[in-house]
PDB file of N, CA and C in Angstrom:
ATOM      1  N   MET A   1      18.069  24.031   4.433  1.00  0.00           N
ATOM      2  CA  MET A   1      18.246  22.589   4.354  1.00  0.00           C
ATOM      3  C   MET A   1      18.785  22.244   2.977  1.00  0.00           C
ATOM      4  N   GLU A   2      19.754  21.368   2.944  1.00  0.00           N
ATOM      5  CA  GLU A   2      20.331  20.949   1.677  1.00  0.00           C
ATOM      6  C   GLU A   2      19.358  20.088   0.893  1.00  0.00           C
ATOM      7  N   VAL A   3      19.604  20.032  -0.414  1.00  0.00           N
ATOM      8  CA  VAL A   3      18.751  19.209  -1.272  1.00  0.00           C
ATOM      9  C   VAL A   3      18.913  17.734  -0.921  1.00  0.00           C
ATOM     10  N   GLY A   4      20.117  17.312  -0.600  1.00  0.00           N
ATOM     11  CA  GLY A   4      20.355  15.913  -0.239  1.00  0.00           C
ATOM     12  C   GLY A   4      19.632  15.519   1.037  1.00  0.00           C
ATOM     13  N   ALA A   5      19.639  16.404   2.020  1.00  0.00           N
ATOM     14  CA  ALA A   5      18.953  16.108   3.284  1.00  0.00           C
ATOM     15  C   ALA A   5      17.445  16.056   3.068  1.00  0.00           C
ATOM     16  N   ALA A   6      16.924  16.980   2.281  1.00  0.00           N
ATOM     17  CA  ALA A   6      15.491  16.980   2.005  1.00  0.00           C
ATOM     18  C   ALA A   6      15.096  15.735   1.219  1.00  0.00           C
ATOM     19  N   SER A   7      15.946  15.292   0.301  1.00  0.00           N
ATOM     20  CA  SER A   7      15.659  14.080  -0.460  1.00  0.00           C
ATOM     21  C   SER A   7      15.669  12.853   0.448  1.00  0.00           C
ATOM     22  N   ALA A   8      16.599  12.816   1.399  1.00  0.00           N
ATOM     23  CA  ALA A   8      16.658  11.677   2.324  1.00  0.00           C
ATOM     24  C   ALA A   8      15.419  11.633   3.211  1.00  0.00           C
ATOM     25  N   ILE A   9      14.978  12.785   3.677  1.00  0.00           N
ATOM     26  CA  ILE A   9      13.757  12.824   4.496  1.00  0.00           C
ATOM     27  C   ILE A   9      12.552  12.420   3.659  1.00  0.00           C
ATOM     28  N   GLY A  10      12.468  12.933   2.441  1.00  0.00           N
ATOM     29  CA  GLY A  10      11.366  12.575   1.549  1.00  0.00           C
ATOM     30  C   GLY A  10      11.357  11.099   1.213  1.00  0.00           C
ATOM     31  N   MET A  11      12.549  10.523   1.040  1.00  0.00           N
ATOM     32  CA  MET A  11      12.658   9.101   0.735  1.00  0.00           C
ATOM     33  C   MET A  11      12.129   8.264   1.895  1.00  0.00           C
ATOM     34  N   GLY A  12      12.512   8.619   3.095  1.00  0.00           N
ATOM     35  CA  GLY A  12      12.032   7.882   4.262  1.00  0.00           C
ATOM     36  C   GLY A  12      10.537   8.034   4.475  1.00  0.00           C
ATOM     37  N   LEU A  13      10.031   9.238   4.279  1.00  0.00           N
ATOM     38  CA  LEU A  13       8.598   9.468   4.431  1.00  0.00           C
ATOM     39  C   LEU A  13       7.793   8.716   3.371  1.00  0.00           C
ATOM     40  N   ALA A  14       8.274   8.724   2.137  1.00  0.00           N
ATOM     41  CA  ALA A  14       7.547   8.042   1.057  1.00  0.00           C
ATOM     42  C   ALA A  14       7.441   6.553   1.336  1.00  0.00           C
ATOM     43  N   ALA A  15       8.548   5.936   1.728  1.00  0.00           N
ATOM     44  CA  ALA A  15       8.537   4.499   1.984  1.00  0.00           C
ATOM     45  C   ALA A  15       7.743   4.159   3.244  1.00  0.00           C
ATOM     46  N   GLY A  16       7.929   4.919   4.302  1.00  0.00           N
ATOM     47  CA  GLY A  16       7.262   4.614   5.565  1.00  0.00           C
ATOM     48  C   GLY A  16       5.762   4.822   5.529  1.00  0.00           C
ATOM     49  N   LEU A  17       5.328   5.942   5.004  1.00  0.00           N
ATOM     50  CA  LEU A  17       3.891   6.215   4.949  1.00  0.00           C
ATOM     51  C   LEU A  17       3.173   5.282   3.976  1.00  0.00           C
ATOM     52  N   ALA A  18       3.849   4.906   2.908  1.00  0.00           N
ATOM     53  CA  ALA A  18       3.232   3.958   1.974  1.00  0.00           C
ATOM     54  C   ALA A  18       3.061   2.595   2.625  1.00  0.00           C
ATOM     55  N   ALA A  19       4.038   2.177   3.408  1.00  0.00           N
ATOM     56  CA  ALA A  19       3.925   0.887   4.089  1.00  0.00           C
ATOM     57  C   ALA A  19       2.804   0.907   5.119  1.00  0.00           C
ATOM     58  N   VAL A  20       2.689   1.990   5.867  1.00  0.00           N
ATOM     59  CA  VAL A  20       1.618   2.108   6.857  1.00  0.00           C
ATOM     60  C   VAL A  20       0.256   2.137   6.161  1.00  0.00           C
ATOM     61  N   GLY A  21       0.153   2.911   5.098  1.00  0.00           N
ATOM     62  CA  GLY A  21      -1.101   3.000   4.362  1.00  0.00           C
ATOM     63  C   GLY A  21      -1.522   1.678   3.762  1.00  0.00           C
ATOM     64  N   ALA A  22      -0.564   0.948   3.222  1.00  0.00           N
ATOM     65  CA  ALA A  22      -0.878  -0.356   2.642  1.00  0.00           C
ATOM     66  C   ALA A  22      -1.309  -1.343   3.727  1.00  0.00           C
ATOM     67  N   GLY A  23      -0.658  -1.302   4.874  1.00  0.00           N
ATOM     68  CA  GLY A  23      -1.042  -2.188   5.970  1.00  0.00           C
ATOM     69  C   GLY A  23      -2.456  -1.930   6.448  1.00  0.00           C
ATOM     70  N   VAL A  24      -2.807  -0.663   6.584  1.00  0.00           N
ATOM     71  CA  VAL A  24      -4.167  -0.310   7.001  1.00  0.00           C
ATOM     72  C   VAL A  24      -5.173  -0.728   5.937  1.00  0.00           C
ATOM     73  N   GLY A  25      -4.835  -0.476   4.675  1.00  0.00           N
ATOM     74  CA  GLY A  25      -5.744  -0.829   3.584  1.00  0.00           C
ATOM     75  C   GLY A  25      -5.973  -2.319   3.459  1.00  0.00           C
ATOM     76  N   VAL A  26      -4.920  -3.107   3.583  1.00  0.00           N
ATOM     77  CA  VAL A  26      -5.058  -4.561   3.487  1.00  0.00           C
ATOM     78  C   VAL A  26      -5.870  -5.095   4.663  1.00  0.00           C
ATOM     79  N   GLY A  27      -5.626  -4.579   5.852  1.00  0.00           N
ATOM     80  CA  GLY A  27      -6.393  -5.017   7.018  1.00  0.00           C
ATOM     81  C   GLY A  27      -7.863  -4.690   6.895  1.00  0.00           C
ATOM     82  N   TYR A  28      -8.161  -3.480   6.455  1.00  0.00           N
ATOM     83  CA  TYR A  28      -9.552  -3.057   6.287  1.00  0.00           C
ATOM     84  C   TYR A  28     -10.246  -3.899   5.216  1.00  0.00           C
ATOM     85  N   LEU A  29      -9.581  -4.107   4.103  1.00  0.00           N
ATOM     86  CA  LEU A  29     -10.160  -4.873   2.996  1.00  0.00           C
ATOM     87  C   LEU A  29     -10.398  -6.324   3.383  1.00  0.00           C
ATOM     88  N   THR A  30      -9.428  -6.945   4.018  1.00  0.00           N
ATOM     89  CA  THR A  30      -9.561  -8.341   4.409  1.00  0.00           C
ATOM     90  C   THR A  30     -10.628  -8.516   5.490  1.00  0.00           C
ATOM     91  N   GLY A  31     -10.656  -7.619   6.462  1.00  0.00           N
ATOM     92  CA  GLY A  31     -11.643  -7.710   7.524  1.00  0.00           C
ATOM     93  C   GLY A  31     -13.070  -7.577   7.008  1.00  0.00           C
ATOM     94  N   ASN A  32     -13.266  -6.642   6.104  1.00  0.00           N
ATOM     95  CA  ASN A  32     -14.613  -6.471   5.548  1.00  0.00           C
ATOM     96  C   ASN A  32     -15.003  -7.633   4.641  1.00  0.00           C
ATOM     97  N   THR A  33     -14.033  -8.229   3.969  1.00  0.00           N
ATOM     98  CA  THR A  33     -14.345  -9.395   3.139  1.00  0.00           C
ATOM     99  C   THR A  33     -14.753 -10.576   4.015  1.00  0.00           C
ATOM    100  N   VAL A  34     -14.051 -10.796   5.111  1.00  0.00           N
ATOM    101  CA  VAL A  34     -14.402 -11.880   6.024  1.00  0.00           C
ATOM    102  C   VAL A  34     -15.794 -11.657   6.613  1.00  0.00           C
ATOM    103  N   THR A  35     -16.093 -10.423   6.959  1.00  0.00           N
ATOM    104  CA  THR A  35     -17.424 -10.101   7.475  1.00  0.00           C
ATOM    105  C   THR A  35     -18.497 -10.380   6.425  1.00  0.00           C
ATOM    106  N   SER A  36     -18.226 -10.003   5.192  1.00  0.00           N
ATOM    107  CA  SER A  36     -19.197 -10.229   4.114  1.00  0.00           C
ATOM    108  C   SER A  36     -19.399 -11.713   3.847  1.00  0.00           C
ATOM    109  N   ILE A  37     -18.325 -12.491   3.904  1.00  0.00           N
ATOM    110  CA  ILE A  37     -18.439 -13.938   3.693  1.00  0.00           C
ATOM    111  C   ILE A  37     -19.229 -14.572   4.843  1.00  0.00           C
ATOM    112  N   ALA A  38     -19.048 -14.067   6.055  1.00  0.00           N
ATOM    113  CA  ALA A  38     -19.807 -14.601   7.189  1.00  0.00           C
ATOM    114  C   ALA A  38     -21.297 -14.313   7.047  1.00  0.00           C
ATOM    115  N   ARG A  39     -21.632 -13.179   6.446  1.00  0.00           N
ATOM    116  CA  ARG A  39     -23.045 -12.833   6.272  1.00  0.00           C
ATOM    117  C   ARG A  39     -23.686 -13.572   5.107  1.00  0.00           C
ATOM    118  N   GLN A  40     -22.928 -13.730   4.006  1.00  0.00           N
ATOM    119  CA  GLN A  40     -23.469 -14.407   2.824  1.00  0.00           C
ATOM    120  C   GLN A  40     -22.427 -15.390   2.280  1.00  0.00           C
ATOM    121  N   PRO A  41     -22.365 -16.594   2.834  1.00  0.00           N
ATOM    122  CA  PRO A  41     -21.340 -17.562   2.434  1.00  0.00           C
ATOM    123  C   PRO A  41     -21.441 -17.975   0.962  1.00  0.00           C
ATOM    124  N   GLU A  42     -22.612 -17.873   0.365  1.00  0.00           N
ATOM    125  CA  GLU A  42     -22.756 -18.307  -1.031  1.00  0.00           C
ATOM    126  C   GLU A  42     -22.037 -17.366  -2.007  1.00  0.00           C
ATOM    127  N   LEU A  43     -21.684 -16.174  -1.580  1.00  0.00           N
ATOM    128  CA  LEU A  43     -20.970 -15.223  -2.438  1.00  0.00           C
ATOM    129  C   LEU A  43     -19.459 -15.260  -2.219  1.00  0.00           C
ATOM    130  N   ARG A  44     -18.977 -16.309  -1.587  1.00  0.00           N
ATOM    131  CA  ARG A  44     -17.559 -16.382  -1.224  1.00  0.00           C
ATOM    132  C   ARG A  44     -16.639 -16.214  -2.425  1.00  0.00           C
ATOM    133  N   GLY A  45     -16.907 -16.932  -3.517  1.00  0.00           N
ATOM    134  CA  GLY A  45     -16.035 -16.868  -4.686  1.00  0.00           C
ATOM    135  C   GLY A  45     -15.962 -15.475  -5.288  1.00  0.00           C
ATOM    136  N   SER A  46     -17.103 -14.838  -5.428  1.00  0.00           N
ATOM    137  CA  SER A  46     -17.157 -13.491  -5.989  1.00  0.00           C
ATOM    138  C   SER A  46     -16.451 -12.483  -5.076  1.00  0.00           C
ATOM    139  N   LEU A  47     -16.686 -12.611  -3.779  1.00  0.00           N
ATOM    140  CA  LEU A  47     -16.066 -11.686  -2.834  1.00  0.00           C
ATOM    141  C   LEU A  47     -14.549 -11.869  -2.788  1.00  0.00           C
ATOM    142  N   MET A  48     -14.101 -13.103  -2.836  1.00  0.00           N
ATOM    143  CA  MET A  48     -12.657 -13.349  -2.802  1.00  0.00           C
ATOM    144  C   MET A  48     -11.978 -12.800  -4.057  1.00  0.00           C
ATOM    145  N   GLY A  49     -12.616 -12.972  -5.203  1.00  0.00           N
ATOM    146  CA  GLY A  49     -12.044 -12.432  -6.433  1.00  0.00           C
ATOM    147  C   GLY A  49     -11.925 -10.919  -6.390  1.00  0.00           C
ATOM    148  N   THR A  50     -12.973 -10.273  -5.917  1.00  0.00           N
ATOM    149  CA  THR A  50     -12.940  -8.819  -5.785  1.00  0.00           C
ATOM    150  C   THR A  50     -11.902  -8.391  -4.763  1.00  0.00           C
ATOM    151  N   MET A  51     -11.752  -9.157  -3.672  1.00  0.00           N
ATOM    152  CA  MET A  51     -10.770  -8.817  -2.654  1.00  0.00           C
ATOM    153  C   MET A  51      -9.351  -8.894  -3.217  1.00  0.00           C
ATOM    154  N   PHE A  52      -9.060  -9.929  -4.004  1.00  0.00           N
ATOM    155  CA  PHE A  52      -7.704 -10.062  -4.540  1.00  0.00           C
ATOM    156  C   PHE A  52      -7.376  -8.962  -5.540  1.00  0.00           C
ATOM    157  N   ILE A  53      -8.358  -8.533  -6.302  1.00  0.00           N
ATOM    158  CA  ILE A  53      -8.126  -7.388  -7.198  1.00  0.00           C
ATOM    159  C   ILE A  53      -7.836  -6.142  -6.372  1.00  0.00           C
ATOM    160  N   GLY A  54      -8.616  -5.935  -5.316  1.00  0.00           N
ATOM    161  CA  GLY A  54      -8.387  -4.798  -4.429  1.00  0.00           C
ATOM    162  C   GLY A  54      -7.041  -4.860  -3.735  1.00  0.00           C
ATOM    163  N   LEU A  55      -6.637  -6.056  -3.317  1.00  0.00           N
ATOM    164  CA  LEU A  55      -5.326  -6.199  -2.674  1.00  0.00           C
ATOM    165  C   LEU A  55      -4.203  -5.825  -3.631  1.00  0.00           C
ATOM    166  N   GLY A  56      -4.354  -6.221  -4.884  1.00  0.00           N
ATOM    167  CA  GLY A  56      -3.339  -5.857  -5.876  1.00  0.00           C
ATOM    168  C   GLY A  56      -3.239  -4.353  -6.051  1.00  0.00           C
ATOM    169  N   LEU A  57      -4.373  -3.683  -6.067  1.00  0.00           N
ATOM    170  CA  LEU A  57      -4.364  -2.226  -6.209  1.00  0.00           C
ATOM    171  C   LEU A  57      -3.788  -1.546  -4.974  1.00  0.00           C
ATOM    172  N   VAL A  58      -4.121  -2.070  -3.799  1.00  0.00           N
ATOM    173  CA  VAL A  58      -3.601  -1.479  -2.561  1.00  0.00           C
ATOM    174  C   VAL A  58      -2.091  -1.693  -2.461  1.00  0.00           C
ATOM    175  N   GLU A  59      -1.614  -2.861  -2.847  1.00  0.00           N
ATOM    176  CA  GLU A  59      -0.183  -3.158  -2.752  1.00  0.00           C
ATOM    177  C   GLU A  59       0.637  -2.442  -3.829  1.00  0.00           C
ATOM    178  N   ALA A  60      -0.012  -1.897  -4.843  1.00  0.00           N
ATOM    179  CA  ALA A  60       0.719  -1.131  -5.854  1.00  0.00           C
ATOM    180  C   ALA A  60       1.237   0.181  -5.279  1.00  0.00           C
ATOM    181  N   MET A  61       0.544   0.725  -4.280  1.00  0.00           N
ATOM    182  CA  MET A  61       0.950   2.001  -3.697  1.00  0.00           C
ATOM    183  C   MET A  61       2.354   1.960  -3.083  1.00  0.00           C
ATOM    184  N   PRO A  62       2.701   0.968  -2.244  1.00  0.00           N
ATOM    185  CA  PRO A  62       4.063   0.980  -1.705  1.00  0.00           C
ATOM    186  C   PRO A  62       5.124   0.736  -2.763  1.00  0.00           C
ATOM    187  N   ILE A  63       4.783  -0.010  -3.799  1.00  0.00           N
ATOM    188  CA  ILE A  63       5.758  -0.236  -4.871  1.00  0.00           C
ATOM    189  C   ILE A  63       6.061   1.083  -5.573  1.00  0.00           C
ATOM    190  N   ILE A  64       5.023   1.856  -5.865  1.00  0.00           N
ATOM    191  CA  ILE A  64       5.233   3.164  -6.491  1.00  0.00           C
ATOM    192  C   ILE A  64       6.008   4.082  -5.558  1.00  0.00           C
ATOM    193  N   ALA A  65       5.725   4.024  -4.261  1.00  0.00           N
ATOM    194  CA  ALA A  65       6.442   4.866  -3.299  1.00  0.00           C
ATOM    195  C   ALA A  65       7.917   4.490  -3.221  1.00  0.00           C
ATOM    196  N   ILE A  66       8.231   3.215  -3.319  1.00  0.00           N
ATOM    197  CA  ILE A  66       9.639   2.800  -3.302  1.00  0.00           C
ATOM    198  C   ILE A  66      10.348   3.298  -4.552  1.00  0.00           C
ATOM    199  N   VAL A  67       9.669   3.268  -5.690  1.00  0.00           N
ATOM    200  CA  VAL A  67      10.265   3.803  -6.921  1.00  0.00           C
ATOM    201  C   VAL A  67      10.537   5.294  -6.750  1.00  0.00           C
ATOM    202  N   ILE A  68       9.591   6.023  -6.168  1.00  0.00           N
ATOM    203  CA  ILE A  68       9.822   7.461  -5.918  1.00  0.00           C
ATOM    204  C   ILE A  68      10.982   7.645  -4.949  1.00  0.00           C
ATOM    205  N   ALA A  69      11.086   6.791  -3.944  1.00  0.00           N
ATOM    206  CA  ALA A  69      12.200   6.874  -2.994  1.00  0.00           C
ATOM    207  C   ALA A  69      13.535   6.646  -3.694  1.00  0.00           C
ATOM    208  N   PHE A  70      13.587   5.698  -4.609  1.00  0.00           N
ATOM    209  CA  PHE A  70      14.838   5.464  -5.348  1.00  0.00           C
ATOM    210  C   PHE A  70      15.169   6.638  -6.259  1.00  0.00           C
ATOM    211  N   ILE A  71      14.158   7.272  -6.832  1.00  0.00           N
ATOM    212  CA  ILE A  71      14.405   8.455  -7.652  1.00  0.00           C
ATOM    213  C   ILE A  71      14.965   9.568  -6.784  1.00  0.00           C
ATOM    214  N   LEU A  72      14.401   9.747  -5.589  1.00  0.00           N
ATOM    215  CA  LEU A  72      14.926  10.761  -4.673  1.00  0.00           C
ATOM    216  C   LEU A  72      16.334  10.410  -4.199  1.00  0.00           C
ATOM    217  N   MET A  73      16.629   9.118  -4.069  1.00  0.00           N
ATOM    218  CA  MET A  73      17.952   8.695  -3.635  1.00  0.00           C
ATOM    219  C   MET A  73      19.011   9.122  -4.668  1.00  0.00           C
ATOM    220  N   GLY A  74      18.608   9.203  -5.922  1.00  0.00           N
ATOM    221  CA  GLY A  74      19.536   9.669  -6.949  1.00  0.00           C
ATOM    222  C   GLY A  74      19.914  11.127  -6.765  1.00  0.00           C
ATOM    223  N   ASN A  75      19.110  11.898  -6.031  1.00  0.00           N
ATOM    224  CA  ASN A  75      19.408  13.324  -5.781  1.00  0.00           C
ATOM    225  C   ASN A  75      20.286  13.535  -4.564  1.00  0.00           C
ATOM    226  N   ILE A  76      20.596  12.446  -3.835  1.00  0.00           N
ATOM    227  CA  ILE A  76      21.414  12.613  -2.618  1.00  0.00           C
ATOM    228  C   ILE A  76      22.869  12.626  -3.037  1.00  0.00           C
ATOM    229  N   GLY A  77      23.532  13.186  -3.463  1.00  0.00           N
ATOM    230  CA  GLY A  77      24.929  12.964  -3.787  1.00  0.00           C
ATOM    231  C   GLY A  77      25.687  14.146  -4.080  1.00  0.00           C
TER     232      GLY A  77
END
């Protein structure tokens, strides 16, 4: 397999798997936060703050994967 073909496959895998992983992570995090708020409504502010920090960390993964994909795209040529 050529280096360009392997880079193209790696680029697609990096972007696709990161998007799937982020989607699962955001869904899991949001669902558990809603469940926690339903159980203890008085902790809503604290739980929401923690959720938004977690969302930022989860969403950083696809951004890093896209950067890796662009680096691999530089090897296709």
